């Protein structure tokens, strides 16, 4: 059980804040945190072990504090003529977001996001003393009025999540461009699930040339099946990584983290080989849910938002009682399920069929 702050002089705006986190429960089918269900092969496990062993003798020394070689590898993976000067890496994409708000937000500044969206954006805004502005999305979770809202609120930092979490919807590039043109602040496009987009859905990486205030965030936690590595990164004009040097903690990425991430990038083809299968499983799941009379949002991610339920917690609990863990998140009445292996999805469908049949 977590300790309570008691009489500690914690900040007033944090006293009633509940720590972020999805339930970590030991159940048979875990479909609540959008992980890639396919772990590294035995060959890749050995490659990672060998790479870590090769640097183990240097762990008495600090790591490369600017992760130059890792950033070169990230730039090569992203393409678009990017170099290490355009990239930055940190301890998960959440630290990337935190560093961006430390550098461009803070006391007296504001951040805007279009809800429902990633819950960590307002939370990190709070802890960095950046005022959060909850913008609105369309009824179908589109962002047709994003530029108008940006122009009205004039935020220091604007977040657009594409594909969005928890809805899975992608944002057209023209809407991103209009939002960028409507602000003098930073525009951060959170593309944590970019690799799962349906064919023909472009990335905001194509918009970077000539837009110094545009940032595209990515992660290795999802498609790369490296959630345990904790590696997030961004692409932007070189001035952005230069600005983040002012706020990053010294040696924030360990030698082991950098080594594991570089080894994973060297095996990109293998690690991303499951993406197409997960896309197909996702699309089949959307069709199955709709065939049962439920609503399911069109998804470009590795999860599906579905509903609606008069008592979604009851549905969540009844699925958990059947050893299937999903996420109780999103708009009222909706639930989110991560796309897993065929066996996991079969277990989910069987459990949900039982719940709906009661």
Protein backbone atom coordinates (compact mmCIF):
# COMPACT_ATOMS: atom_id res chain seq x y z
CA UNK A 1 0.00 0.00 0.00
CA UNK A 2 1.34 3.43 -0.95
CA UNK A 3 2.17 5.83 1.85
CA UNK A 4 0.16 9.05 2.11
CA UNK A 5 1.87 12.47 2.15
CA UNK A 6 0.62 13.11 5.70
CA UNK A 7 2.02 16.38 6.99
CA UNK A 8 4.73 16.69 4.35
CA UNK A 9 4.83 20.16 2.74
CA UNK A 10 3.80 18.88 -0.70
CA UNK A 11 2.70 21.45 -3.27
CA UNK A 12 -0.96 22.45 -2.85
CA UNK A 13 -1.77 21.63 -6.48
CA UNK A 14 -0.42 18.08 -6.04
CA UNK A 15 -2.04 17.13 -2.73
CA UNK A 16 -5.13 15.54 -4.25
CA UNK A 17 -3.39 14.17 -7.36
CA UNK A 18 -3.59 10.42 -7.88
CA UNK A 19 -0.46 8.86 -9.41
CA UNK A 20 -0.87 7.88 -13.07
CA UNK A 21 -0.82 4.23 -13.97
CA UNK A 22 -2.81 1.41 -15.48
CA UNK A 23 -3.52 -1.57 -13.22
CA UNK A 24 -0.71 -4.13 -13.22
CA UNK A 25 -2.52 -7.34 -12.39
CA UNK A 26 -1.38 -10.93 -12.76
CA UNK A 27 -4.07 -12.23 -15.11
CA UNK A 28 -3.95 -14.55 -18.09
CA UNK A 29 -4.78 -11.98 -20.77
CA UNK A 30 -3.35 -8.47 -20.33
CA UNK A 31 -4.76 -6.08 -22.93
CA UNK A 32 -4.71 -2.74 -21.12
CA UNK A 33 -1.42 -0.94 -21.79
CA UNK A 34 -1.03 -1.08 -25.59
CA UNK A 35 2.12 -3.19 -25.51
CA UNK A 36 3.22 -5.23 -28.49
CA UNK A 37 2.42 -8.83 -27.46
CA UNK A 38 5.30 -10.32 -29.46
CA UNK A 39 8.53 -10.30 -27.46
CA UNK A 40 12.04 -10.47 -28.90
CA UNK A 41 13.11 -13.72 -30.53
CA UNK A 42 15.78 -15.89 -28.96
CA UNK A 43 18.23 -14.59 -31.53
CA UNK A 44 17.50 -10.98 -30.66
CA UNK A 45 17.63 -11.78 -26.95
CA UNK A 46 21.14 -13.10 -27.48
CA UNK A 47 22.13 -10.04 -29.52
CA UNK A 48 20.91 -7.78 -26.74
CA UNK A 49 22.70 -9.83 -24.08
CA UNK A 50 25.93 -9.79 -26.09
CA UNK A 51 25.70 -6.04 -26.64
CA UNK A 52 25.13 -5.35 -22.95
CA UNK A 53 27.98 -7.69 -22.01
CA UNK A 54 30.24 -5.78 -24.38
CA UNK A 55 29.65 -2.52 -22.49
CA UNK A 56 29.42 -4.02 -19.00
CA UNK A 57 33.07 -3.29 -18.34
CA UNK A 58 32.46 0.43 -18.93
CA UNK A 59 29.63 0.87 -16.44
CA UNK A 60 31.98 2.55 -13.98
CA UNK A 61 31.97 5.48 -16.44
CA UNK A 62 29.10 7.82 -17.25
CA UNK A 63 27.22 7.20 -20.50
CA UNK A 64 27.31 9.48 -23.52
CA UNK A 65 25.18 12.24 -22.06
CA UNK A 66 23.93 13.37 -25.49
CA UNK A 67 23.42 9.83 -26.90
CA UNK A 68 24.96 10.83 -30.22
CA UNK A 69 25.26 7.35 -31.77
CA UNK A 70 21.74 6.44 -30.70
CA UNK A 71 20.41 9.65 -32.22
CA UNK A 72 22.20 8.83 -35.47
CA UNK A 73 20.46 5.44 -35.53
CA UNK A 74 17.09 7.03 -34.78
CA UNK A 75 17.55 9.52 -37.61
CA UNK A 76 18.45 6.71 -40.00
CA UNK A 77 15.32 4.83 -39.00
CA UNK A 78 13.04 7.84 -39.46
CA UNK A 79 14.52 8.89 -42.80
CA UNK A 80 13.23 12.18 -44.29
CA UNK A 81 16.84 13.40 -44.55
CA UNK A 82 17.05 13.75 -40.77
CA UNK A 83 20.37 13.64 -38.92
CA UNK A 84 21.31 13.27 -35.26
CA UNK A 85 20.99 17.07 -34.97
CA UNK A 86 17.25 16.69 -35.64
CA UNK A 87 16.66 13.99 -33.02
CA UNK A 88 16.59 13.71 -29.26
CA UNK A 89 16.07 10.71 -26.99
CA UNK A 90 14.92 10.32 -23.40
CA UNK A 91 13.56 7.89 -20.82
CA UNK A 92 10.31 7.13 -22.64
CA UNK A 93 8.20 9.60 -24.57
CA UNK A 94 6.85 10.89 -21.25
CA UNK A 95 10.26 12.34 -20.43
CA UNK A 96 10.35 13.87 -23.90
CA UNK A 97 7.01 15.56 -23.14
CA UNK A 98 8.26 16.66 -19.73
CA UNK A 99 11.42 18.19 -21.18
CA UNK A 100 9.41 20.02 -23.85
CA UNK A 101 7.14 21.51 -21.20
CA UNK A 102 10.10 22.40 -19.00
CA UNK A 103 11.72 24.24 -21.89
CA UNK A 104 8.68 25.82 -23.55
CA UNK A 105 6.00 25.75 -20.85
CA UNK A 106 6.26 26.48 -17.14
CA UNK A 107 4.87 29.17 -14.81
CA UNK A 108 2.84 31.79 -16.65
CA UNK A 109 2.60 29.64 -19.79
CA UNK A 110 -0.12 27.36 -21.12
CA UNK A 111 -0.49 24.03 -22.90
CA UNK A 112 -3.47 23.04 -25.04
CA UNK A 113 -4.66 19.56 -25.94
CA UNK A 114 -7.82 18.24 -27.53
CA UNK A 115 -9.68 15.83 -25.29
CA UNK A 116 -10.19 12.94 -25.01
CA UNK A 117 -6.50 12.30 -25.52
CA UNK A 118 -3.39 11.05 -23.76
CA UNK A 119 -3.85 11.52 -20.02
CA UNK A 120 -0.18 12.29 -19.40
CA UNK A 121 -0.27 15.56 -21.35
CA UNK A 122 -2.34 17.43 -18.72
CA UNK A 123 -0.61 15.58 -15.86
CA UNK A 124 2.89 16.54 -16.98
CA UNK A 125 1.63 20.06 -17.63
CA UNK A 126 0.51 20.21 -14.01
CA UNK A 127 3.77 18.99 -12.54
CA UNK A 128 5.77 21.42 -14.73
CA UNK A 129 3.55 24.30 -13.54
CA UNK A 130 2.11 24.81 -17.01
CA UNK A 131 -1.57 25.78 -17.11
CA UNK A 132 -3.55 23.12 -19.00
CA UNK A 133 -6.28 24.12 -21.44
CA UNK A 134 -8.67 21.30 -22.31
CA UNK A 135 -9.61 21.81 -25.93
CA UNK A 136 -12.50 20.00 -27.58
CA UNK A 137 -12.57 17.44 -30.36
CA UNK A 138 -15.46 16.82 -32.76
CA UNK A 139 -18.26 14.37 -32.03
CA UNK A 140 -16.39 11.79 -34.15
CA UNK A 141 -13.09 12.70 -32.40
CA UNK A 142 -11.83 14.73 -35.36
CA UNK A 143 -10.10 18.10 -34.91
CA UNK A 144 -11.85 20.31 -37.47
CA UNK A 145 -11.75 23.32 -35.11
CA UNK A 146 -8.18 22.83 -33.84
CA UNK A 147 -6.72 25.90 -35.56
CA UNK A 148 -9.59 28.06 -34.33
CA UNK A 149 -9.03 26.90 -30.74
CA UNK A 150 -5.27 27.44 -31.00
CA UNK A 151 -5.81 30.97 -32.31
CA UNK A 152 -8.28 31.72 -29.51
CA UNK A 153 -6.21 30.38 -26.60
CA UNK A 154 -2.71 31.24 -27.91
CA UNK A 155 -1.01 28.41 -25.97
CA UNK A 156 2.72 28.17 -25.44
CA UNK A 157 2.59 24.46 -26.35
CA UNK A 158 -0.09 22.63 -28.33
CA UNK A 159 -0.42 18.84 -28.34
CA UNK A 160 -1.97 16.91 -31.21
CA UNK A 161 -1.95 13.14 -30.73
CA UNK A 162 -2.05 11.16 -33.98
CA UNK A 163 -3.06 8.37 -33.86
CA UNK A 164 -4.95 9.58 -30.84
CA UNK A 165 -5.05 7.73 -27.53
CA UNK A 166 -7.59 6.45 -26.50
CA UNK A 167 -9.62 6.78 -29.72
CA UNK A 168 -7.03 5.52 -32.24
CA UNK A 169 -7.99 8.18 -34.78
CA UNK A 170 -5.43 9.92 -37.00
CA UNK A 171 -5.33 13.65 -37.72
CA UNK A 172 -5.04 14.84 -41.35
CA UNK A 173 -1.88 16.79 -42.11
CA UNK A 174 -3.78 19.88 -43.30
CA UNK A 175 -5.29 20.24 -39.82
CA UNK A 176 -1.81 20.03 -38.28
CA UNK A 177 -0.51 22.66 -40.70
CA UNK A 178 -3.41 24.99 -39.94
CA UNK A 179 -2.85 24.57 -36.19
CA UNK A 180 0.86 25.30 -36.63
CA UNK A 181 0.14 28.44 -38.64
CA UNK A 182 -2.30 29.62 -35.96
CA UNK A 183 0.28 29.73 -33.17
CA UNK A 184 3.59 31.33 -32.29
CA UNK A 185 4.18 28.56 -29.76
CA UNK A 186 5.38 25.00 -30.09
CA UNK A 187 3.23 22.37 -31.79
CA UNK A 188 3.94 18.83 -30.60
CA UNK A 189 2.54 15.94 -32.64
CA UNK A 190 2.57 12.82 -30.48
CA UNK A 191 2.99 9.85 -32.86
CA UNK A 192 3.54 7.08 -30.33
CA UNK A 193 1.48 4.68 -32.47
CA UNK A 194 2.64 5.87 -35.90
CA UNK A 195 3.85 2.48 -37.13
CA UNK A 196 0.34 1.05 -36.79
CA UNK A 197 -1.30 3.57 -39.12
CA UNK A 198 -3.22 2.17 -42.06
CA UNK A 199 -1.42 2.30 -45.40
CA UNK A 200 -1.50 5.73 -46.98
CA UNK A 201 -1.79 7.63 -43.70
CA UNK A 202 1.13 10.10 -43.72
CA UNK A 203 3.32 11.12 -40.80
CA UNK A 204 3.85 14.65 -39.56
CA UNK A 205 7.55 14.02 -40.18
CA UNK A 206 6.84 15.19 -43.75
CA UNK A 207 5.92 18.62 -42.35
CA UNK A 208 9.18 19.33 -40.51
CA UNK A 209 11.12 21.23 -43.21
CA UNK A 210 10.72 24.95 -42.68
CA UNK A 211 8.74 24.58 -39.43
CA UNK A 212 11.11 25.25 -36.53
CA UNK A 213 8.36 25.12 -33.87
CA UNK A 214 7.06 21.69 -34.93
CA UNK A 215 8.03 18.58 -32.93
CA UNK A 216 7.15 14.96 -33.73
CA UNK A 217 7.38 12.55 -30.78
CA UNK A 218 7.81 8.79 -31.12
CA UNK A 219 8.51 5.82 -28.84
CA UNK A 220 10.06 2.36 -29.00
CA UNK A 221 7.54 1.05 -26.45
CA UNK A 222 4.81 0.11 -28.92
CA UNK A 223 5.62 -1.18 -32.41
CA UNK A 224 9.23 -1.96 -31.44
CA UNK A 225 8.04 -4.17 -28.57
CA UNK A 226 10.54 -2.45 -26.28
CA UNK A 227 8.35 -1.03 -23.51
CA UNK A 228 10.81 -2.29 -20.91
CA UNK A 229 13.68 -0.42 -22.56
CA UNK A 230 12.08 2.98 -21.84
CA UNK A 231 13.16 4.88 -24.91
CA UNK A 232 11.24 7.80 -26.37
CA UNK A 233 12.50 10.21 -28.98
CA UNK A 234 11.60 13.20 -31.11
CA UNK A 235 12.35 14.73 -34.48
CA UNK A 236 12.46 18.49 -34.98
CA UNK A 237 14.60 21.35 -36.17
CA UNK A 238 18.09 21.27 -34.57
CA UNK A 239 17.16 24.24 -32.38
CA UNK A 240 14.73 22.03 -30.41
CA UNK A 241 17.26 19.44 -29.15
CA UNK A 242 19.61 22.35 -28.43
CA UNK A 243 16.90 23.92 -26.24
CA UNK A 244 16.28 20.66 -24.38
CA UNK A 245 19.94 20.48 -23.39
CA UNK A 246 19.08 23.28 -20.97
CA UNK A 247 16.60 21.15 -19.02
CA UNK A 248 17.69 17.53 -19.42
CA UNK A 249 19.24 15.89 -16.40
CA UNK A 250 22.89 14.95 -16.86
CA UNK A 251 23.37 11.41 -18.18
CA UNK A 252 19.62 10.81 -18.32
CA UNK A 253 19.99 7.74 -20.58
CA UNK A 254 22.07 4.92 -19.15
CA UNK A 255 24.70 3.07 -21.15
CA UNK A 256 22.52 -0.05 -20.98
CA UNK A 257 19.43 1.77 -22.28
CA UNK A 258 21.35 3.26 -25.18
CA UNK A 259 22.92 -0.10 -26.00
CA UNK A 260 19.64 -2.02 -25.93
CA UNK A 261 17.87 0.63 -28.01
CA UNK A 262 20.63 0.64 -30.63
CA UNK A 263 20.54 -3.16 -30.81
CA UNK A 264 16.77 -3.04 -31.30
CA UNK A 265 17.13 -0.48 -34.08
CA UNK A 266 19.67 -2.75 -35.76
CA UNK A 267 16.90 -5.39 -35.85
CA UNK A 268 14.13 -3.07 -37.02
CA UNK A 269 12.87 -5.43 -39.70
CA UNK A 270 12.38 -8.28 -37.24
CA UNK A 271 10.78 -6.15 -34.54
CA UNK A 272 8.33 -4.49 -36.91
CA UNK A 273 7.42 -7.75 -38.63
CA UNK A 274 4.43 -8.14 -36.30
CA UNK A 275 2.91 -4.77 -37.19
CA UNK A 276 0.98 -5.97 -40.23
CA UNK A 277 -0.49 -8.89 -38.30
CA UNK A 278 -1.56 -6.57 -35.47
CA UNK A 279 -3.16 -4.20 -37.95
CA UNK A 280 -5.16 -7.07 -39.47
CA UNK A 281 -6.17 -8.30 -36.01
CA UNK A 282 -7.25 -4.76 -35.09
CA UNK A 283 -9.41 -4.32 -38.18
CA UNK A 284 -11.01 -7.73 -37.64
CA UNK A 285 -11.73 -6.77 -34.04
CA UNK A 286 -13.44 -3.52 -35.08
CA UNK A 287 -15.65 -5.47 -37.50
CA UNK A 288 -16.43 -8.11 -34.84
CA UNK A 289 -17.40 -5.51 -32.23
CA UNK A 290 -19.67 -3.69 -34.66
CA UNK A 291 -21.18 -7.02 -35.65
CA UNK A 292 -22.21 -7.45 -32.00
CA UNK A 293 -24.08 -4.15 -32.06
CA UNK A 294 -21.36 -2.18 -30.31
CA UNK A 295 -19.68 1.03 -31.41
CA UNK A 296 -15.98 0.87 -32.26
CA UNK A 297 -13.84 3.84 -33.26
CA UNK A 298 -11.82 3.58 -36.48
CA UNK A 299 -8.30 2.94 -35.24
CA UNK A 300 -4.85 3.59 -36.67
CA UNK A 301 -3.24 2.30 -33.47
CA UNK A 302 -2.80 -1.10 -31.81
CA UNK A 303 -5.93 -0.71 -29.71
CA UNK A 304 -9.65 -0.21 -30.17
CA UNK A 305 -12.03 2.04 -28.25
CA UNK A 306 -15.44 0.44 -28.00
CA UNK A 307 -18.78 0.85 -26.24
CA UNK A 308 -21.07 2.15 -25.21
CA UNK A 309 -22.08 0.76 -21.83
CA UNK A 310 -24.39 2.15 -19.18
CA UNK A 311 -22.01 0.81 -16.53
CA UNK A 312 -18.61 0.37 -18.14
CA UNK A 313 -16.92 -0.44 -14.83
CA UNK A 314 -19.20 -3.41 -14.40
CA UNK A 315 -18.23 -4.68 -17.87
CA UNK A 316 -14.55 -4.08 -17.09
CA UNK A 317 -14.83 -5.98 -13.82
CA UNK A 318 -16.73 -8.89 -15.37
CA UNK A 319 -14.03 -9.23 -18.02
CA UNK A 320 -11.39 -9.14 -15.29
CA UNK A 321 -13.30 -11.86 -13.44
CA UNK A 322 -12.69 -13.94 -16.57
CA UNK A 323 -8.93 -13.16 -16.47
CA UNK A 324 -9.10 -10.57 -19.25
CA UNK A 325 -7.71 -7.15 -18.33
CA UNK A 326 -8.57 -4.16 -20.54
CA UNK A 327 -8.56 -0.40 -19.83
CA UNK A 328 -11.35 1.65 -18.32
CA UNK A 329 -10.51 4.93 -19.98
CA UNK A 330 -11.84 7.44 -22.46
CA UNK A 331 -15.26 9.08 -22.72
CA UNK A 332 -18.05 7.91 -20.42
CA UNK A 333 -19.40 4.53 -21.44
CA UNK A 334 -16.37 3.47 -23.49
CA UNK A 335 -13.60 0.91 -22.88
CA UNK A 336 -10.26 0.35 -24.62
CA UNK A 337 -8.70 -2.96 -25.54
CA UNK A 338 -5.17 -3.53 -26.77
CA UNK A 339 -4.73 -5.77 -29.80
CA UNK A 340 -2.98 -8.95 -28.70
CA UNK A 341 -2.10 -12.31 -30.17
CA UNK A 342 -4.82 -14.36 -31.90
CA UNK A 343 -5.15 -16.49 -28.76
CA UNK A 344 -5.51 -13.41 -26.55
CA UNK A 345 -8.10 -11.87 -28.86
CA UNK A 346 -10.04 -15.12 -28.93
CA UNK A 347 -10.09 -15.10 -25.12
CA UNK A 348 -11.27 -11.48 -25.14
CA UNK A 349 -14.07 -12.20 -27.61
CA UNK A 350 -15.21 -15.25 -25.66
CA UNK A 351 -15.22 -13.32 -22.39
CA UNK A 352 -17.02 -10.32 -23.84
CA UNK A 353 -19.61 -12.57 -25.48
CA UNK A 354 -20.33 -14.11 -22.07
CA UNK A 355 -20.59 -10.69 -20.44
CA UNK A 356 -22.91 -9.31 -23.11
CA UNK A 357 -25.05 -12.43 -22.94
CA UNK A 358 -25.82 -12.07 -19.27
